Amino acid sequence: MEALFSLVQRHNKVFRRDKTQVFFSLLSIIIVIILYAVFLQKMQVDAIEQVMKATPQLITLVNEWLVAGLLSMIAVSTTLAAFGIMVRDYESKATADFLTAPISRATIQFSHVLNAFFTGCIFSFLALLGCEIFLVATGGEWLSAGDFMQVVGLLMLSVLLASVFNLFLTLFVQTQNAFSTLSTIVGTALGFLCGVYVPIGALPSFAQQLIMYFPISHTTVLLRQYFMEHSLVKVFQNSPPSALEAYQIQYGLHYQLYGTTLSTMASFIVIVSTIILLTLLSVLIYKRKHR
């Protein structure tokens, strides 16, 4: 255990020392914030204004929609960046150096997973605090203690899913150049696959199904439900139930697959099942590569 935690500390120090890598791990988040400030917020507010009058509560609702998407994206982008240390170690033969010590390959591999998980948790928690300050500063309310703890728990589950997902992807990468390409692809696609760049209801049916089958998008759905619960009641209190239901489907608070609205429990099942499946696949791939 001492060797494991020493390796995790080493990976974390290497990650934090590379300020450029930390910046690029957050680049997709910065892009989303810029897009939101330029036109995403106005686009959503204008769409809702067609059925009701704009109010401060409506602006808060839209801000909460963005925050949920950002938090799910941060979990993916930061954990993926942390796995860059693993690729760098393989390419530079540092992993071979570690194996001269009495450390198993499994311990080295697990140390990278733990580093990614801890890194993702730290960034996600800091982002949650920043998002809470942003929401309150723009007219929203603080999460209650109970809701805050539920969101923290959901973020940890989201980071765990992102860590396993990124481990699976990184096992197919051998060089820094290939990893940079992977990071670019993931960072570009992430906003679409989490339904942040474009509301899911505005996409064609095949794209909607692609998003719904993407397991990480289910963390976005759950975060939106937690963040937007009270604002939805305030904004749609004088509107027919059909208007609320249409908004939830259009903007990805609930997924409707083949005419069936997926429950919150269904999203949790997708997340947990994906974690188990990708963990098993990653173990098999790792053993096959390092017989």
Protein backbone atom coordinates (compact mmCIF):
# COMPACT_ATOMS: atom_id res chain seq x y z
CA MET A 1 0.00 0.00 0.00
CA GLU A 2 2.88 2.36 0.74
CA ALA A 3 4.24 1.89 -2.78
CA LEU A 4 0.78 2.52 -4.24
CA PHE A 5 0.28 5.81 -2.44
CA SER A 6 3.83 6.92 -3.18
CA LEU A 7 3.17 6.39 -6.87
CA VAL A 8 -0.13 8.30 -6.66
CA GLN A 9 1.66 11.22 -5.00
CA ARG A 10 4.34 11.15 -7.68
CA HIS A 11 1.76 11.13 -10.53
CA ASN A 12 -0.14 14.00 -8.93
CA LYS A 13 2.98 16.13 -8.54
CA VAL A 14 3.97 15.50 -12.16
CA PHE A 15 0.47 16.46 -13.31
CA ARG A 16 0.35 19.68 -11.28
CA ARG A 17 3.84 20.69 -12.34
CA ASP A 18 2.79 20.78 -16.01
CA LYS A 19 0.66 23.93 -16.01
CA THR A 20 0.02 23.66 -19.76
CA GLN A 21 -1.50 20.22 -19.34
CA VAL A 22 -3.75 21.46 -16.54
CA PHE A 23 -4.90 24.35 -18.75
CA PHE A 24 -5.69 22.14 -21.73
CA SER A 25 -7.59 19.74 -19.49
CA LEU A 26 -9.99 22.63 -18.85
CA LEU A 27 -9.98 24.01 -22.39
CA SER A 28 -13.28 22.41 -23.40
CA ILE A 29 -14.88 23.92 -20.28
CA ILE A 30 -13.57 27.37 -21.18
CA ILE A 31 -14.99 26.99 -24.68
CA VAL A 32 -18.43 26.09 -23.30
CA ILE A 33 -18.40 29.12 -20.99
CA ILE A 34 -17.52 31.42 -23.89
CA LEU A 35 -20.21 29.90 -26.11
CA TYR A 36 -22.72 30.23 -23.29
CA ALA A 37 -21.87 33.88 -22.70
CA VAL A 38 -22.06 34.65 -26.43
CA PHE A 39 -25.25 32.90 -27.51
CA LEU A 40 -26.26 29.67 -25.69
CA GLN A 41 -27.97 31.45 -22.82
CA LYS A 42 -29.83 33.87 -25.10
CA MET A 43 -30.89 31.04 -27.39
CA GLN A 44 -32.46 29.07 -24.54
CA VAL A 45 -34.09 32.11 -22.93
CA ASP A 46 -35.58 33.18 -26.28
CA ALA A 47 -36.99 29.69 -26.82
CA ILE A 48 -38.68 29.60 -23.41
CA GLU A 49 -39.99 33.16 -23.83
CA GLN A 50 -42.19 31.90 -26.64
CA VAL A 51 -44.40 30.18 -24.07
CA MET A 52 -43.89 32.36 -20.97
CA LYS A 53 -42.55 35.68 -19.76
CA ALA A 54 -38.84 35.96 -18.91
CA THR A 55 -38.15 36.31 -15.19
CA PRO A 56 -35.05 36.27 -12.96
CA GLN A 57 -36.02 32.69 -12.02
CA LEU A 58 -35.85 31.76 -15.70
CA ILE A 59 -32.29 33.09 -15.97
CA THR A 60 -31.36 31.06 -12.88
CA LEU A 61 -32.92 27.97 -14.44
CA VAL A 62 -30.85 28.38 -17.60
CA ASN A 63 -27.68 28.98 -15.57
CA GLU A 64 -28.31 25.81 -13.58
CA TRP A 65 -28.73 23.90 -16.84
CA LEU A 66 -25.27 25.05 -17.92
CA VAL A 67 -23.64 24.35 -14.55
CA ALA A 68 -24.80 20.73 -14.58
CA GLY A 69 -23.28 20.22 -18.02
CA LEU A 70 -20.00 21.86 -17.02
CA LEU A 71 -19.58 19.66 -13.96
CA SER A 72 -20.07 16.45 -15.92
CA MET A 73 -17.57 17.65 -18.54
CA ILE A 74 -14.96 18.60 -15.93
CA ALA A 75 -15.04 15.06 -14.53
CA VAL A 76 -14.12 13.68 -17.96
CA SER A 77 -11.58 16.26 -19.09
CA THR A 78 -9.54 16.33 -15.86
CA THR A 79 -9.37 12.56 -15.43
CA LEU A 80 -8.34 12.14 -19.07
CA ALA A 81 -5.55 14.68 -18.60
CA ALA A 82 -4.35 12.78 -15.53
CA PHE A 83 -3.97 9.61 -17.62
CA GLY A 84 -1.51 11.53 -19.78
CA ILE A 85 1.06 10.74 -17.09
CA MET A 86 0.55 7.03 -17.72
CA VAL A 87 1.12 7.42 -21.48
CA ARG A 88 4.20 9.58 -20.87
CA ASP A 89 5.65 6.98 -18.48
CA TYR A 90 5.19 4.19 -21.01
CA GLU A 91 6.74 6.21 -23.82
CA SER A 92 9.70 7.39 -21.73
CA LYS A 93 10.22 3.88 -20.27
CA ALA A 94 9.66 5.23 -16.75
CA THR A 95 7.25 2.34 -16.17
CA ALA A 96 10.08 -0.10 -16.87
CA ASP A 97 12.16 1.75 -14.29
CA PHE A 98 9.39 1.35 -11.71
CA LEU A 99 9.35 -2.39 -12.40
CA THR A 100 12.96 -2.68 -11.27
CA ALA A 101 11.54 -2.09 -7.80
CA PRO A 102 9.40 -4.77 -6.12
CA ILE A 103 6.18 -3.25 -7.56
CA SER A 104 3.68 -5.21 -9.63
CA ARG A 105 2.28 -4.00 -12.94
CA ALA A 106 -1.18 -4.06 -11.38
CA THR A 107 -0.04 -1.66 -8.64
CA ILE A 108 1.42 0.74 -11.22
CA GLN A 109 -1.78 0.62 -13.28
CA PHE A 110 -4.02 1.11 -10.25
CA SER A 111 -1.93 4.07 -9.11
CA HIS A 112 -2.77 5.88 -12.35
CA VAL A 113 -6.48 5.15 -11.88
CA LEU A 114 -6.39 6.45 -8.30
CA ASN A 115 -4.51 9.55 -9.41
CA ALA A 116 -7.10 10.24 -12.10
CA PHE A 117 -9.94 9.72 -9.61
CA PHE A 118 -8.42 11.99 -6.96
CA THR A 119 -7.58 14.64 -9.56
CA GLY A 120 -11.11 14.54 -10.95
CA CYS A 121 -12.65 14.75 -7.47
CA ILE A 122 -10.54 17.78 -6.51
CA PHE A 123 -11.29 19.69 -9.70
CA SER A 124 -14.97 18.74 -9.59
CA PHE A 125 -15.36 19.87 -5.99
CA LEU A 126 -13.62 23.19 -6.68
CA ALA A 127 -15.79 23.63 -9.77
CA LEU A 128 -18.91 22.89 -7.71
CA LEU A 129 -17.99 25.62 -5.23
CA GLY A 130 -17.30 28.05 -8.09
CA CYS A 131 -20.59 27.17 -9.78
CA GLU A 132 -22.50 27.66 -6.54
CA ILE A 133 -20.98 31.12 -6.11
CA PHE A 134 -21.85 31.94 -9.74
CA LEU A 135 -25.48 30.81 -9.31
CA VAL A 136 -25.96 32.79 -6.11
CA ALA A 137 -24.29 35.88 -7.63
CA THR A 138 -26.70 35.73 -10.58
CA GLY A 139 -29.83 35.48 -8.44
CA GLY A 140 -29.99 31.82 -7.52
CA GLU A 141 -30.01 30.14 -4.12
CA TRP A 142 -27.50 28.00 -2.26
CA LEU A 143 -28.09 24.28 -2.37
CA SER A 144 -29.39 22.94 0.93
CA ALA A 145 -26.99 20.85 2.98
CA GLY A 146 -28.79 17.67 1.97
CA ASP A 147 -28.86 18.56 -1.74
CA PHE A 148 -25.19 19.63 -1.62
CA MET A 149 -24.12 16.27 -0.18
CA GLN A 150 -26.20 14.44 -2.80
CA VAL A 151 -24.55 16.46 -5.56
CA VAL A 152 -21.08 15.74 -4.11
CA GLY A 153 -21.91 12.03 -4.05
CA LEU A 154 -23.15 12.18 -7.63
CA LEU A 155 -19.98 14.03 -8.67
CA MET A 156 -17.83 11.29 -7.13
CA LEU A 157 -19.83 8.69 -9.05
CA SER A 158 -19.39 10.80 -12.19
CA VAL A 159 -15.63 11.01 -11.64
CA LEU A 160 -15.43 7.25 -11.09
CA LEU A 161 -17.28 6.64 -14.36
CA ALA A 162 -15.05 9.14 -16.17
CA SER A 163 -11.90 7.53 -14.73
CA VAL A 164 -12.88 4.04 -15.87
CA PHE A 165 -14.04 5.35 -19.25
CA ASN A 166 -10.79 7.22 -19.86
CA LEU A 167 -8.68 4.29 -18.66
CA PHE A 168 -10.38 2.12 -21.27
CA LEU A 169 -9.62 4.66 -24.01
CA THR A 170 -6.04 5.28 -22.88
CA LEU A 171 -5.17 1.57 -22.97
CA PHE A 172 -5.29 1.82 -26.78
CA VAL A 173 -2.81 4.73 -26.83
CA GLN A 174 0.96 4.25 -26.82
CA THR A 175 2.47 7.68 -27.54
CA GLN A 176 2.05 11.29 -26.46
CA ASN A 177 1.06 12.31 -30.00
CA ALA A 178 -1.70 9.72 -30.07
CA PHE A 179 -2.84 10.82 -26.61
CA SER A 180 -3.00 14.46 -27.74
CA THR A 181 -5.20 13.39 -30.65
CA LEU A 182 -7.43 11.40 -28.31
CA SER A 183 -7.74 14.38 -25.95
CA THR A 184 -8.70 16.66 -28.84
CA ILE A 185 -11.37 14.26 -30.06
CA VAL A 186 -12.83 13.70 -26.60
CA GLY A 187 -12.75 17.41 -25.73
CA THR A 188 -14.49 18.33 -28.98
CA ALA A 189 -17.16 15.64 -28.82
CA LEU A 190 -17.84 15.93 -25.10
CA GLY A 191 -19.99 19.07 -25.30
CA PHE A 192 -22.21 17.47 -27.93
CA LEU A 193 -22.44 14.07 -26.26
CA CYS A 194 -23.39 15.66 -22.92
CA GLY A 195 -26.02 17.83 -24.60
CA VAL A 196 -24.38 21.13 -23.65
CA TYR A 197 -23.51 22.73 -27.00
CA VAL A 198 -26.95 21.99 -28.45
CA PRO A 199 -30.08 20.92 -26.50
CA ILE A 200 -30.84 17.29 -27.21
CA GLY A 201 -34.33 18.11 -28.48
CA ALA A 202 -32.88 20.23 -31.30
CA LEU A 203 -30.93 17.28 -32.73
CA PRO A 204 -32.12 14.65 -35.21
CA SER A 205 -33.36 11.38 -33.74
CA PHE A 206 -30.19 9.36 -34.49
CA ALA A 207 -28.06 11.99 -32.68
CA GLN A 208 -30.45 11.95 -29.72
CA GLN A 209 -30.15 8.18 -29.46
CA LEU A 210 -26.35 8.43 -29.67
CA ILE A 211 -26.35 10.83 -26.71
CA MET A 212 -28.74 8.66 -24.72
CA TYR A 213 -26.50 5.61 -25.25
CA PHE A 214 -23.44 7.61 -24.15
CA PRO A 215 -23.19 6.68 -20.44
CA ILE A 216 -21.50 9.87 -19.26
CA SER A 217 -24.45 11.94 -20.51
CA HIS A 218 -26.55 10.27 -17.83
CA THR A 219 -24.49 12.02 -15.15
CA THR A 220 -25.46 15.31 -16.82
CA VAL A 221 -29.12 14.33 -16.66
CA LEU A 222 -28.92 13.52 -12.95
CA LEU A 223 -27.02 16.72 -12.13
CA ARG A 224 -29.61 18.78 -14.00
CA GLN A 225 -32.40 17.17 -12.02
CA TYR A 226 -30.72 18.04 -8.72
CA PHE A 227 -29.73 21.59 -9.64
CA MET A 228 -32.92 22.59 -11.44
CA GLU A 229 -35.56 20.95 -9.26
CA HIS A 230 -36.64 24.06 -7.34
CA SER A 231 -36.25 26.49 -10.25
CA LEU A 232 -38.48 24.32 -12.44
CA VAL A 233 -41.29 24.63 -9.90
CA LYS A 234 -40.96 28.43 -9.78
CA VAL A 235 -40.66 28.96 -13.52
CA PHE A 236 -43.44 26.60 -14.61
CA GLN A 237 -45.83 27.07 -11.70
CA ASN A 238 -48.38 28.91 -13.86
CA SER A 239 -47.85 26.81 -16.96
CA PRO A 240 -49.62 23.60 -17.98
CA PRO A 241 -47.88 20.33 -17.09
CA SER A 242 -47.34 19.67 -20.78
CA ALA A 243 -45.09 22.74 -21.02
CA LEU A 244 -42.89 21.50 -18.17
CA GLU A 245 -42.70 18.00 -19.65
CA ALA A 246 -41.82 19.38 -23.08
CA TYR A 247 -39.02 21.51 -21.60
CA GLN A 248 -37.57 18.57 -19.66
CA ILE A 249 -37.46 16.41 -22.79
CA GLN A 250 -36.21 19.22 -25.06
CA TYR A 251 -33.35 20.23 -22.76
CA GLY A 252 -32.28 16.83 -21.50
CA LEU A 253 -33.59 16.70 -17.95
CA HIS A 254 -35.22 13.41 -18.86
CA TYR A 255 -34.39 11.09 -21.71
CA GLN A 256 -37.16 9.72 -23.90
CA LEU A 257 -35.97 6.61 -25.72
CA TYR A 258 -38.32 4.86 -28.15
CA GLY A 259 -41.27 6.69 -26.65
CA THR A 260 -40.40 5.74 -23.07
CA THR A 261 -39.17 8.31 -20.55
CA LEU A 262 -36.20 6.92 -18.66
CA SER A 263 -36.39 7.16 -14.88
CA THR A 264 -33.71 8.44 -12.55
CA MET A 265 -33.05 4.87 -11.46
CA ALA A 266 -32.51 3.86 -15.09
CA SER A 267 -29.74 6.49 -15.39
CA PHE A 268 -28.08 5.18 -12.22
CA ILE A 269 -28.25 1.64 -13.59
CA VAL A 270 -26.62 2.75 -16.85
CA ILE A 271 -23.81 4.49 -14.94
CA VAL A 272 -23.08 1.63 -12.52
CA SER A 273 -23.35 -1.03 -15.24
CA THR A 274 -20.92 0.91 -17.43
CA ILE A 275 -18.42 1.24 -14.58
CA ILE A 276 -18.49 -2.52 -13.97
CA LEU A 277 -18.31 -3.41 -17.68
CA LEU A 278 -15.46 -1.04 -18.54
CA THR A 279 -13.51 -2.10 -15.45
CA LEU A 280 -13.68 -5.74 -16.49
CA LEU A 281 -12.78 -4.93 -20.10
CA SER A 282 -9.86 -2.75 -18.99
CA VAL A 283 -8.48 -5.52 -16.78
CA LEU A 284 -8.69 -8.00 -19.65
CA ILE A 285 -7.04 -5.61 -22.12
CA TYR A 286 -4.28 -4.72 -19.64
CA LYS A 287 -3.52 -8.39 -18.95
CA ARG A 288 -3.46 -9.13 -22.67
CA LYS A 289 -1.00 -6.26 -23.32
CA HIS A 290 1.30 -7.18 -20.42
CA ARG A 291 1.46 -10.93 -20.33
